[in-house]
C-alpha atoms as a PDB file:
ATOM      1  CA  MET A   1      60.062 -25.055  38.304  1.00  0.00           C
ATOM      2  CA  ASN A   2      63.818 -25.439  38.674  1.00  0.00           C
ATOM      3  CA  GLU A   3      65.012 -24.652  42.222  1.00  0.00           C
ATOM      4  CA  ILE A   4      67.753 -22.280  40.997  1.00  0.00           C
ATOM      5  CA  ILE A   5      65.227 -20.300  38.943  1.00  0.00           C
ATOM      6  CA  LYS A   6      62.811 -20.136  41.870  1.00  0.00           C
ATOM      7  CA  LYS A   7      65.505 -19.207  44.424  1.00  0.00           C
ATOM      8  CA  ASN A   8      67.044 -16.489  42.256  1.00  0.00           C
ATOM      9  CA  GLY A   9      63.696 -15.096  41.102  1.00  0.00           C
ATOM     10  CA  VAL A  10      62.394 -14.836  44.662  1.00  0.00           C
ATOM     11  CA  SER A  11      65.677 -13.509  46.104  1.00  0.00           C
ATOM     12  CA  TYR A  12      66.114 -10.833  43.466  1.00  0.00           C
ATOM     13  CA  GLY A  13      62.418  -9.960  43.638  1.00  0.00           C
ATOM     14  CA  ILE A  14      62.751  -9.298  47.354  1.00  0.00           C
ATOM     15  CA  ILE A  15      65.914  -7.259  46.756  1.00  0.00           C
ATOM     16  CA  THR A  16      64.170  -5.245  44.030  1.00  0.00           C
ATOM     17  CA  GLY A  17      61.092  -4.607  46.180  1.00  0.00           C
ATOM     18  CA  VAL A  18      63.112  -3.591  49.228  1.00  0.00           C
ATOM     19  CA  VAL A  19      65.345  -1.265  47.185  1.00  0.00           C
ATOM     20  CA  ALA A  20      62.260   0.279  45.538  1.00  0.00           C
ATOM     21  CA  ALA A  21      60.790   0.883  48.997  1.00  0.00           C
ATOM     22  CA  LEU A  22      64.090   2.402  50.132  1.00  0.00           C
ATOM     23  CA  ILE A  23      64.158   4.689  47.089  1.00  0.00           C
ATOM     24  CA  THR A  24      60.609   5.824  47.846  1.00  0.00           C
ATOM     25  CA  THR A  25      61.474   6.316  51.505  1.00  0.00           C
ATOM     26  CA  SER A  26      64.575   8.327  50.609  1.00  0.00           C
ATOM     27  CA  ILE A  27      62.663  10.587  48.238  1.00  0.00           C
ATOM     28  CA  TYR A  28      59.906  10.976  50.817  1.00  0.00           C
ATOM     29  CA  ALA A  29      62.420  11.903  53.543  1.00  0.00           C
ATOM     30  CA  ILE A  30      64.640  14.180  51.436  1.00  0.00           C
ATOM     31  CA  ASP A  31      62.242  16.178  49.260  1.00  0.00           C
ATOM     32  CA  LEU A  32      58.847  15.328  47.773  1.00  0.00           C
ATOM     33  CA  LYS A  33      59.801  17.314  44.647  1.00  0.00           C
ATOM     34  CA  LEU A  34      62.117  14.455  43.725  1.00  0.00           C
ATOM     35  CA  PHE A  35      59.021  12.400  42.823  1.00  0.00           C
ATOM     36  CA  THR A  36      58.817  14.544  39.650  1.00  0.00           C
ATOM     37  CA  ALA A  37      62.568  14.664  38.892  1.00  0.00           C
ATOM     38  CA  TRP A  38      63.364  13.046  35.547  1.00  0.00           C
ATOM     39  CA  TRP A  39      66.822  11.977  36.692  1.00  0.00           C
ATOM     40  CA  VAL A  40      65.393  10.024  39.634  1.00  0.00           C
ATOM     41  CA  SER A  41      63.195   8.090  37.199  1.00  0.00           C
ATOM     42  CA  LEU A  42      66.206   7.489  34.957  1.00  0.00           C
ATOM     43  CA  LEU A  43      68.264   6.186  37.891  1.00  0.00           C
ATOM     44  CA  SER A  44      65.410   3.915  38.983  1.00  0.00           C
ATOM     45  CA  ILE A  45      64.991   2.463  35.487  1.00  0.00           C
ATOM     46  CA  SER A  46      68.759   1.937  35.267  1.00  0.00           C
ATOM     47  CA  PHE A  47      68.670   0.096  38.590  1.00  0.00           C
ATOM     48  CA  TYR A  48      65.916  -2.251  37.356  1.00  0.00           C
ATOM     49  CA  ILE A  49      67.798  -2.966  34.118  1.00  0.00           C
ATOM     50  CA  ILE A  50      71.025  -3.707  36.000  1.00  0.00           C
ATOM     51  CA  ILE A  51      69.223  -5.988  38.475  1.00  0.00           C
ATOM     52  CA  GLY A  52      67.597  -7.893  35.592  1.00  0.00           C
ATOM     53  CA  VAL A  53      70.916  -8.369  33.802  1.00  0.00           C
ATOM     54  CA  VAL A  54      72.703  -9.460  36.997  1.00  0.00           C
ATOM     55  CA  LEU A  55      69.844 -11.843  37.860  1.00  0.00           C
ATOM     56  CA  LEU A  56      69.842 -13.540  34.471  1.00  0.00           C
ATOM     57  CA  SER A  57      73.647 -13.652  34.236  1.00  0.00           C
ATOM     58  CA  LYS A  58      73.897 -15.272  37.658  1.00  0.00           C
ATOM     59  CA  THR A  59      71.110 -17.746  36.943  1.00  0.00           C
ATOM     60  CA  LYS A  60      72.584 -18.718  33.560  1.00  0.00           C
ATOM     61  CA  LYS A  61      75.957 -19.281  35.217  1.00  0.00           C
ATOM     62  CA  GLU A  62      74.394 -21.404  37.987  1.00  0.00           C
ATOM     63  CA  LEU A  63      72.568 -23.456  35.342  1.00  0.00           C
ATOM     64  CA  LYS A  64      75.944 -24.102  33.688  1.00  0.00           C
ATOM     65  CA  GLY A  65      75.029 -22.126  30.577  1.00  0.00           C
ATOM     66  CA  ILE A  66      71.902 -24.124  29.769  1.00  0.00           C
ATOM     67  CA  PHE A  67      69.246 -21.412  29.829  1.00  0.00           C
ATOM     68  CA  PRO A  68      66.226 -21.888  27.553  1.00  0.00           C
ATOM     69  CA  PHE A  69      64.061 -18.882  26.719  1.00  0.00           C
ATOM     70  CA  LYS A  70      61.227 -20.050  29.004  1.00  0.00           C
ATOM     71  CA  ASP A  71      63.541 -20.385  32.009  1.00  0.00           C
ATOM     72  CA  ALA A  72      65.148 -16.993  31.380  1.00  0.00           C
ATOM     73  CA  PHE A  73      61.746 -15.320  31.091  1.00  0.00           C
ATOM     74  CA  THR A  74      60.349 -17.148  34.142  1.00  0.00           C
ATOM     75  CA  THR A  75      63.335 -16.132  36.274  1.00  0.00           C
ATOM     76  CA  TYR A  76      62.967 -12.463  35.380  1.00  0.00           C
ATOM     77  CA  PHE A  77      59.166 -12.449  35.588  1.00  0.00           C
ATOM     78  CA  VAL A  78      59.057 -14.035  39.062  1.00  0.00           C
ATOM     79  CA  SER A  79      61.568 -11.466  40.272  1.00  0.00           C
ATOM     80  CA  ALA A  80      59.705  -8.546  38.683  1.00  0.00           C
ATOM     81  CA  VAL A  81      56.291  -9.520  40.063  1.00  0.00           C
ATOM     82  CA  ILE A  82      57.621  -9.982  43.603  1.00  0.00           C
ATOM     83  CA  GLY A  83      59.491  -6.673  43.427  1.00  0.00           C
ATOM     84  CA  ILE A  84      56.443  -4.815  42.105  1.00  0.00           C
ATOM     85  CA  LEU A  85      54.154  -6.308  44.746  1.00  0.00           C
ATOM     86  CA  ILE A  86      56.499  -5.377  47.604  1.00  0.00           C
ATOM     87  CA  SER A  87      56.847  -1.846  46.241  1.00  0.00           C
ATOM     88  CA  VAL A  88      53.093  -1.386  45.748  1.00  0.00           C
ATOM     89  CA  VAL A  89      52.234  -2.705  49.209  1.00  0.00           C
ATOM     90  CA  PHE A  90      54.814  -0.317  50.677  1.00  0.00           C
ATOM     91  CA  ASN A  91      53.386   2.627  48.708  1.00  0.00           C
ATOM     92  CA  ILE A  92      49.831   1.751  49.757  1.00  0.00           C
ATOM     93  CA  ILE A  93      50.869   1.695  53.408  1.00  0.00           C
ATOM     94  CA  LEU A  94      52.964   4.881  53.209  1.00  0.00           C
ATOM     95  CA  PHE A  95      50.572   7.058  51.219  1.00  0.00           C
ATOM     96  CA  ASN A  96      47.234   5.764  52.528  1.00  0.00           C
ATOM     97  CA  PHE A  97      47.898   4.932  56.174  1.00  0.00           C
ATOM     98  CA  ILE A  98      51.157   6.435  57.460  1.00  0.00           C
ATOM     99  CA  ASP A  99      51.031   9.873  55.766  1.00  0.00           C
ATOM    100  CA  PRO A 100      47.969  10.392  53.563  1.00  0.00           C
ATOM    101  CA  SER A 101      48.579  14.165  53.497  1.00  0.00           C
ATOM    102  CA  SER A 102      51.756  13.648  51.451  1.00  0.00           C
ATOM    103  CA  LYS A 103      49.557  12.565  48.530  1.00  0.00           C
ATOM    104  CA  GLU A 104      48.165  16.096  48.235  1.00  0.00           C
ATOM    105  CA  SER A 105      51.616  17.666  48.441  1.00  0.00           C
ATOM    106  CA  ILE A 106      52.918  15.400  45.674  1.00  0.00           C
ATOM    107  CA  LYS A 107      49.801  16.104  43.596  1.00  0.00           C
ATOM    108  CA  GLU A 108      50.404  19.869  43.875  1.00  0.00           C
ATOM    109  CA  ILE A 109      54.071  19.434  42.931  1.00  0.00           C
ATOM    110  CA  SER A 110      53.101  17.220  39.972  1.00  0.00           C
ATOM    111  CA  ILE A 111      50.521  19.720  38.733  1.00  0.00           C
ATOM    112  CA  LYS A 112      52.996  22.586  38.966  1.00  0.00           C
ATOM    113  CA  TYR A 113      55.616  20.530  37.101  1.00  0.00           C
ATOM    114  CA  ALA A 114      53.108  19.505  34.407  1.00  0.00           C
ATOM    115  CA  VAL A 115      51.969  23.102  33.887  1.00  0.00           C
ATOM    116  CA  GLU A 116      55.586  24.283  33.552  1.00  0.00           C
ATOM    117  CA  MET A 117      56.343  21.561  31.004  1.00  0.00           C
ATOM    118  CA  MET A 118      53.206  22.285  28.977  1.00  0.00           C
ATOM    119  CA  GLN A 119      53.987  26.004  28.966  1.00  0.00           C
ATOM    120  CA  LYS A 120      57.534  25.293  27.734  1.00  0.00           C
ATOM    121  CA  PHE A 121      56.044  23.384  24.813  1.00  0.00           C
ATOM    122  CA  GLY A 122      53.583  26.166  24.018  1.00  0.00           C
ATOM    123  CA  THR A 123      50.450  24.256  24.976  1.00  0.00           C
ATOM    124  CA  PRO A 124      47.311  26.420  24.744  1.00  0.00           C
ATOM    125  CA  SER A 125      45.866  27.652  28.053  1.00  0.00           C
ATOM    126  CA  SER A 126      42.613  25.763  27.516  1.00  0.00           C
ATOM    127  CA  ALA A 127      44.489  22.465  27.187  1.00  0.00           C
ATOM    128  CA  ILE A 128      46.585  23.264  30.268  1.00  0.00           C
ATOM    129  CA  ASN A 129      43.434  24.060  32.270  1.00  0.00           C
ATOM    130  CA  GLU A 130      41.810  20.804  31.149  1.00  0.00           C
ATOM    131  CA  ALA A 131      44.925  18.809  32.095  1.00  0.00           C
ATOM    132  CA  VAL A 132      45.106  20.502  35.513  1.00  0.00           C
ATOM    133  CA  LYS A 133      41.442  19.690  36.119  1.00  0.00           C
ATOM    134  CA  LYS A 134      42.042  16.009  35.326  1.00  0.00           C
ATOM    135  CA  LEU A 135      45.163  15.892  37.505  1.00  0.00           C
ATOM    136  CA  GLN A 136      43.259  17.436  40.420  1.00  0.00           C
ATOM    137  CA  GLU A 137      40.497  14.824  40.108  1.00  0.00           C
ATOM    138  CA  ASN A 138      42.951  11.922  40.045  1.00  0.00           C
ATOM    139  CA  ASP A 139      44.408  10.392  43.216  1.00  0.00           C
ATOM    140  CA  GLN A 140      47.485   8.621  41.858  1.00  0.00           C
ATOM    141  CA  PHE A 141      48.318   7.174  45.290  1.00  0.00           C
ATOM    142  CA  SER A 142      44.905   5.725  46.103  1.00  0.00           C
ATOM    143  CA  ILE A 143      44.854   1.984  46.671  1.00  0.00           C
ATOM    144  CA  VAL A 144      42.924   1.405  43.429  1.00  0.00           C
ATOM    145  CA  GLU A 145      45.270   3.588  41.353  1.00  0.00           C
ATOM    146  CA  LEU A 146      48.363   1.970  42.843  1.00  0.00           C
ATOM    147  CA  LEU A 147      46.946  -1.484  42.064  1.00  0.00           C
ATOM    148  CA  LYS A 148      46.112  -0.386  38.501  1.00  0.00           C
ATOM    149  CA  GLY A 149      49.646   0.949  38.170  1.00  0.00           C
ATOM    150  CA  SER A 150      51.028  -2.363  39.359  1.00  0.00           C
ATOM    151  CA  VAL A 151      49.170  -4.171  36.569  1.00  0.00           C
ATOM    152  CA  PHE A 152      50.745  -1.789  34.041  1.00  0.00           C
ATOM    153  CA  SER A 153      54.155  -2.359  35.661  1.00  0.00           C
ATOM    154  CA  ILE A 154      53.741  -6.132  35.452  1.00  0.00           C
ATOM    155  CA  VAL A 155      52.786  -5.929  31.758  1.00  0.00           C
ATOM    156  CA  PHE A 156      55.750  -3.634  31.020  1.00  0.00           C
ATOM    157  CA  SER A 157      58.040  -5.940  33.010  1.00  0.00           C
ATOM    158  CA  ALA A 158      56.776  -8.935  31.054  1.00  0.00           C
ATOM    159  CA  LEU A 159      57.638  -7.196  27.784  1.00  0.00           C
ATOM    160  CA  PHE A 160      61.063  -6.227  29.105  1.00  0.00           C
ATOM    161  CA  GLY A 161      61.494  -9.778  30.425  1.00  0.00           C
ATOM    162  CA  LEU A 162      60.797 -11.159  26.938  1.00  0.00           C
ATOM    163  CA  LEU A 163      63.571  -8.976  25.550  1.00  0.00           C
ATOM    164  CA  LEU A 164      66.030  -9.998  28.275  1.00  0.00           C
ATOM    165  CA  ALA A 165      65.102 -13.658  27.840  1.00  0.00           C
ATOM    166  CA  LEU A 166      65.874 -13.377  24.122  1.00  0.00           C
ATOM    167  CA  ILE A 167      69.275 -11.920  24.955  1.00  0.00           C
ATOM    168  CA  PHE A 168      70.195 -14.426  27.674  1.00  0.00           C
ATOM    169  CA  LYS A 169      68.719 -17.652  26.305  1.00  0.00           C
ATOM    170  CA  THR A 170      70.996 -20.334  24.998  1.00  0.00           C
ATOM    171  CA  LYS A 171      70.379 -21.864  21.640  1.00  0.00           C
ATOM    172  CA  PRO A 172      69.308 -25.493  21.909  1.00  0.00           C
ATOM    173  CA  THR A 173      71.951 -27.924  20.743  1.00  0.00           C
ATOM    174  CA  GLN A 174      71.074 -30.151  17.798  1.00  0.00           C
ATOM    175  CA  GLU A 175      71.446 -33.838  18.530  1.00  0.00           C
END
């Protein structure tokens, strides 16, 4: 693997993971209700898109414009996996060892938010009750669930990385 690709992928992965942990810490410290705020999710997604674009732009520039699809994808994917792993390890530590009681508070907030949304859309009471029952049984911050979520995040990041790699790749020159 090219040293520039490795260096940038690792560096930006660490930055992404640390910022994700800081976002989680900020939400945790300010108000647990922010975990269900749509605008926080939108800001987080925007951050990840911007980081990916900056990462690939910088790497392409450092490679003097020669950026095949595979290298573009590898750069983004390395960064995404490192960022996801740092974030998941932080969440496991925070919600399972430092403050396990916050999991229940967030679950209650999430259930209340889900019920309000379903009621706004006219969901029948039986369906709402069934959804609440499933939400109460699920521990979204358990170690297993966080690890499962990280697999989903890696798959989603890979798909997004394919799209970014298509955008940032350079066309091979014909000789």
